Protein backbone atom coordinates (compact mmCIF):
# COMPACT_ATOMS: atom_id res chain seq x y z
CA UNK A 1 -11.22 14.86 39.38
CA UNK A 2 -7.94 15.86 40.92
CA UNK A 3 -5.61 14.33 38.73
CA UNK A 4 -7.63 16.50 35.95
CA UNK A 5 -7.44 19.74 37.87
CA UNK A 6 -3.61 18.75 38.60
CA UNK A 7 -3.49 18.16 34.69
CA UNK A 8 -5.01 21.47 33.91
CA UNK A 9 -3.58 24.28 36.42
CA UNK A 10 -0.19 22.11 36.04
CA UNK A 11 0.10 23.05 32.36
CA UNK A 12 -0.67 26.55 32.81
CA UNK A 13 1.83 26.63 35.80
CA UNK A 14 4.50 25.81 33.48
CA UNK A 15 4.06 28.98 30.93
CA UNK A 16 5.97 31.94 30.59
CA UNK A 17 4.10 35.33 32.22
CA UNK A 18 3.42 36.74 28.77
CA UNK A 19 1.19 33.60 28.07
CA UNK A 20 -0.86 34.84 31.32
CA UNK A 21 -1.13 38.22 29.84
CA UNK A 22 -2.05 37.12 26.52
CA UNK A 23 -4.97 34.62 27.54
CA UNK A 24 -6.08 37.40 29.96
CA UNK A 25 -6.39 40.22 27.06
CA UNK A 26 -8.18 37.61 24.91
CA UNK A 27 -10.76 36.82 27.39
CA UNK A 28 -11.35 40.65 28.12
CA UNK A 29 -11.57 40.60 24.54
CA UNK A 30 -14.10 37.72 24.09
CA UNK A 31 -15.97 39.46 26.80
CA UNK A 32 -16.46 42.72 25.17
CA UNK A 33 -17.04 41.06 21.65
CA UNK A 34 -19.84 39.11 23.55
CA UNK A 35 -21.31 41.80 25.01
CA UNK A 36 -21.52 43.80 22.36
CA UNK A 37 -23.29 41.32 20.07
CA UNK A 38 -26.16 41.53 22.60
CA UNK A 39 -26.78 45.29 21.27
CA UNK A 40 -28.04 44.13 17.67
CA UNK A 41 -31.54 44.47 17.08
CA UNK A 42 -32.13 41.02 14.73
CA UNK A 43 -34.86 40.51 12.51
CA UNK A 44 -36.48 37.19 10.63
CA UNK A 45 -34.24 37.89 7.79
CA UNK A 46 -30.93 37.87 9.73
CA UNK A 47 -31.94 34.96 11.46
CA UNK A 48 -33.03 32.99 8.39
CA UNK A 49 -29.44 34.12 6.88
CA UNK A 50 -27.36 33.62 9.82
CA UNK A 51 -28.95 29.96 9.77
CA UNK A 52 -28.12 29.62 5.91
CA UNK A 53 -24.64 30.61 6.49
CA UNK A 54 -23.89 28.50 9.50
CA UNK A 55 -25.13 25.35 7.68
CA UNK A 56 -23.23 26.08 4.28
CA UNK A 57 -20.30 26.70 6.34
CA UNK A 58 -20.76 23.32 8.37
CA UNK A 59 -21.61 21.42 4.70
CA UNK A 60 -17.95 23.06 3.24
CA UNK A 61 -16.38 22.20 6.59
CA UNK A 62 -17.12 18.55 6.13
CA UNK A 63 -15.41 18.42 2.47
CA UNK A 64 -12.07 17.83 3.35
CA UNK A 65 -9.13 18.37 0.97
CA UNK A 66 -6.45 17.48 3.73
CA UNK A 67 -6.79 15.82 6.80
CA UNK A 68 -3.78 16.96 9.36
CA UNK A 69 -2.31 13.86 11.52
CA UNK A 70 -2.76 15.66 14.55
CA UNK A 71 -6.11 17.29 13.90
CA UNK A 72 -7.37 20.24 11.33
CA UNK A 73 -8.19 20.03 8.30
CA UNK A 74 -8.07 22.15 4.93
CA UNK A 75 -11.66 22.67 3.26
CA UNK A 76 -13.44 23.90 0.70
CA UNK A 77 -13.73 27.55 2.22
CA UNK A 78 -15.77 26.57 4.58
CA UNK A 79 -15.16 29.61 6.72
CA UNK A 80 -16.19 31.91 3.89
CA UNK A 81 -20.43 31.70 4.24
CA UNK A 82 -19.83 32.82 8.09
CA UNK A 83 -17.48 35.72 6.84
CA UNK A 84 -19.70 36.74 4.20
CA UNK A 85 -22.47 36.93 6.80
CA UNK A 86 -20.65 39.02 9.11
CA UNK A 87 -19.25 41.34 6.24
CA UNK A 88 -22.71 41.79 5.05
CA UNK A 89 -24.40 42.50 8.61
CA UNK A 90 -21.77 44.08 10.51
CA UNK A 91 -19.60 42.88 13.56
CA UNK A 92 -22.08 41.90 16.60
CA UNK A 93 -24.24 39.85 14.18
CA UNK A 94 -21.26 37.99 12.83
CA UNK A 95 -19.83 37.33 16.08
CA UNK A 96 -22.78 35.62 17.36
CA UNK A 97 -23.04 33.62 13.83
CA UNK A 98 -19.42 32.65 14.31
CA UNK A 99 -19.79 31.52 17.79
CA UNK A 100 -22.97 29.49 16.80
CA UNK A 101 -20.59 27.76 14.14
CA UNK A 102 -17.59 27.10 16.20
CA UNK A 103 -20.37 25.37 18.71
CA UNK A 104 -21.07 23.12 15.89
CA UNK A 105 -17.32 22.45 15.19
CA UNK A 106 -16.79 21.62 18.68
CA UNK A 107 -19.33 18.85 18.28
CA UNK A 108 -18.27 17.74 15.19
CA UNK A 109 -14.61 17.36 15.75
CA UNK A 110 -14.87 17.22 19.84
CA UNK A 111 -11.06 17.27 21.12
CA UNK A 112 -10.87 18.19 25.00
CA UNK A 113 -7.79 18.78 26.87
CA UNK A 114 -9.50 21.01 29.58
CA UNK A 115 -11.32 24.13 29.85
CA UNK A 116 -8.96 26.29 28.73
CA UNK A 117 -7.95 24.52 25.28
CA UNK A 118 -11.34 24.38 24.50
CA UNK A 119 -11.88 28.14 24.67
CA UNK A 120 -8.75 29.00 22.81
CA UNK A 121 -9.81 26.01 19.71
CA UNK A 122 -13.07 26.80 19.82
CA UNK A 123 -15.18 30.07 20.56
CA UNK A 124 -11.75 32.41 20.59
CA UNK A 125 -10.62 30.77 17.26
CA UNK A 126 -14.30 30.90 15.67
CA UNK A 127 -15.07 33.99 16.84
CA UNK A 128 -11.91 35.62 14.85
CA UNK A 129 -14.36 34.87 11.43
CA UNK A 130 -16.26 37.78 12.69
CA UNK A 131 -13.64 40.22 12.13
CA UNK A 132 -13.98 39.92 8.68
CA UNK A 133 -16.88 42.62 9.15
CA UNK A 134 -13.92 45.33 10.27
CA UNK A 135 -13.37 46.08 6.21
CA UNK A 136 -16.89 46.53 5.08
CA UNK A 137 -16.67 50.31 5.14
CA UNK A 138 -13.69 50.08 2.87
CA UNK A 139 -15.03 50.70 -0.74
CA UNK A 140 -12.60 48.59 -2.79
CA UNK A 141 -12.69 45.15 -4.22
CA UNK A 142 -10.04 44.17 -1.50
CA UNK A 143 -12.06 44.80 1.43
CA UNK A 144 -13.71 41.21 1.61
CA UNK A 145 -10.35 39.44 1.11
CA UNK A 146 -8.58 41.74 3.45
CA UNK A 147 -11.25 40.82 5.96
CA UNK A 148 -11.19 37.15 5.16
CA UNK A 149 -7.20 36.85 5.73
CA UNK A 150 -7.58 39.48 8.94
CA UNK A 151 -10.11 36.42 10.43
CA UNK A 152 -8.24 33.64 9.66
CA UNK A 153 -4.71 35.04 10.65
CA UNK A 154 -6.21 35.50 14.15
CA UNK A 155 -8.07 32.01 13.98
CA UNK A 156 -4.33 30.51 13.40
CA UNK A 157 -2.82 32.87 16.49
CA UNK A 158 -5.88 31.26 18.62
CA UNK A 159 -4.84 27.63 17.47
CA UNK A 160 -1.20 28.43 17.72
CA UNK A 161 -1.60 29.59 21.45
CA UNK A 162 -3.29 26.02 21.94
CA UNK A 163 -0.63 24.50 20.52
CA UNK A 164 1.80 26.06 22.55
CA UNK A 165 0.22 26.03 25.98
CA UNK A 166 -1.18 22.11 25.52
CA UNK A 167 0.55 20.43 22.94
CA UNK A 168 3.73 21.32 23.24
CA UNK A 169 5.11 17.39 23.46
CA UNK A 170 4.37 17.23 19.46
CA UNK A 171 6.91 19.58 18.76
CA UNK A 172 9.70 16.76 19.99
CA UNK A 173 11.53 15.48 17.63
CA UNK A 174 10.43 17.75 14.96
CA UNK A 175 13.18 19.97 15.31
CA UNK A 176 11.34 22.99 16.20
CA UNK A 177 10.38 24.55 19.66
CA UNK A 178 7.04 24.56 20.57
CA UNK A 179 5.78 27.94 18.96
CA UNK A 180 7.67 27.56 15.61
CA UNK A 181 5.91 23.86 15.26
CA UNK A 182 2.38 25.15 16.19
CA UNK A 183 2.97 28.06 14.09
CA UNK A 184 3.86 25.81 11.11
CA UNK A 185 1.64 23.39 11.79
CA UNK A 186 -1.72 25.56 11.85
CA UNK A 187 -0.39 27.41 9.02
CA UNK A 188 -0.19 24.41 7.16
CA UNK A 189 -3.97 23.88 7.87
CA UNK A 190 -6.31 26.92 8.78
CA UNK A 191 -3.59 29.07 7.12
CA UNK A 192 -4.32 27.37 3.67
CA UNK A 193 -8.06 27.31 4.30
CA UNK A 194 -7.94 31.04 5.10
CA UNK A 195 -6.05 31.46 1.82
CA UNK A 196 -8.56 29.23 -0.04
CA UNK A 197 -11.05 31.62 1.58
CA UNK A 198 -9.34 35.06 0.21
CA UNK A 199 -9.26 33.45 -3.28
CA UNK A 200 -12.91 32.92 -3.40
CA UNK A 201 -13.69 36.20 -1.80
CA UNK A 202 -11.97 38.17 -4.83
CA UNK A 203 -14.07 36.46 -7.34
CA UNK A 204 -16.80 39.21 -8.39
CA UNK A 205 -19.56 36.86 -7.81
CA UNK A 206 -18.92 36.37 -4.29
CA UNK A 207 -18.82 39.85 -3.58
CA UNK A 208 -22.09 40.31 -5.33
CA UNK A 209 -23.63 37.63 -2.82
CA UNK A 210 -22.50 39.95 0.02
CA UNK A 211 -23.89 42.92 -1.63
CA UNK A 212 -27.23 41.01 -1.96
CA UNK A 213 -27.18 39.67 1.61
CA UNK A 214 -26.73 43.14 3.08
CA UNK A 215 -28.73 45.27 0.78
CA UNK A 216 -32.42 44.56 2.22
CA UNK A 217 -30.98 44.72 5.87
CA UNK A 218 -29.96 48.88 5.51
CA UNK A 219 -32.72 49.97 7.98
CA UNK A 220 -31.68 47.45 10.61
CA UNK A 221 -29.42 48.29 13.54
CA UNK A 222 -25.68 46.28 13.36
CA UNK A 223 -22.62 46.74 15.23
């Protein structure tokens, strides 16, 4: 136990003060998002759609087009169903859906260094998928693709921070520093995954699906 605590906090102690500031901001943001989601009034349809979208994302995450050597993979637009739910129902419901999906991903590809790494790679990273909802008021065919790119970019950022803080040793011998190495690595997996989602989100059929999902919920309260 003492060795585990020494390893956990030793890694944090080696970091630049800017990293502490970034983690504090992310933690505050996560708490704000969590409590905002609690104000949402759910109904049976929303619960059913959330369950369906989480299940679809999970199934698509098992269709791995390429598996990265040190964790992560390129999938068949696995983030899209959860992002569609967030886009259709709003930020609060989308956050709950994204966190539930992140929990499933944790059990599917569990990799634990310590609690801080788990927070960055799972709850915070997958909570970013709910950011696709921020463009739902923008009446443009590019709204959903833009939201998908934003959510993917923030998820990449979470994984990059995790890589810099907890997996810096993998950069040794690569010719790059930990930040550049982690950025290249995660853009090559989650970044490409996000681009695939954005391409699918441009399709009229996918955008029509988002509209059909949200249409019956016009009377519900969303964040």
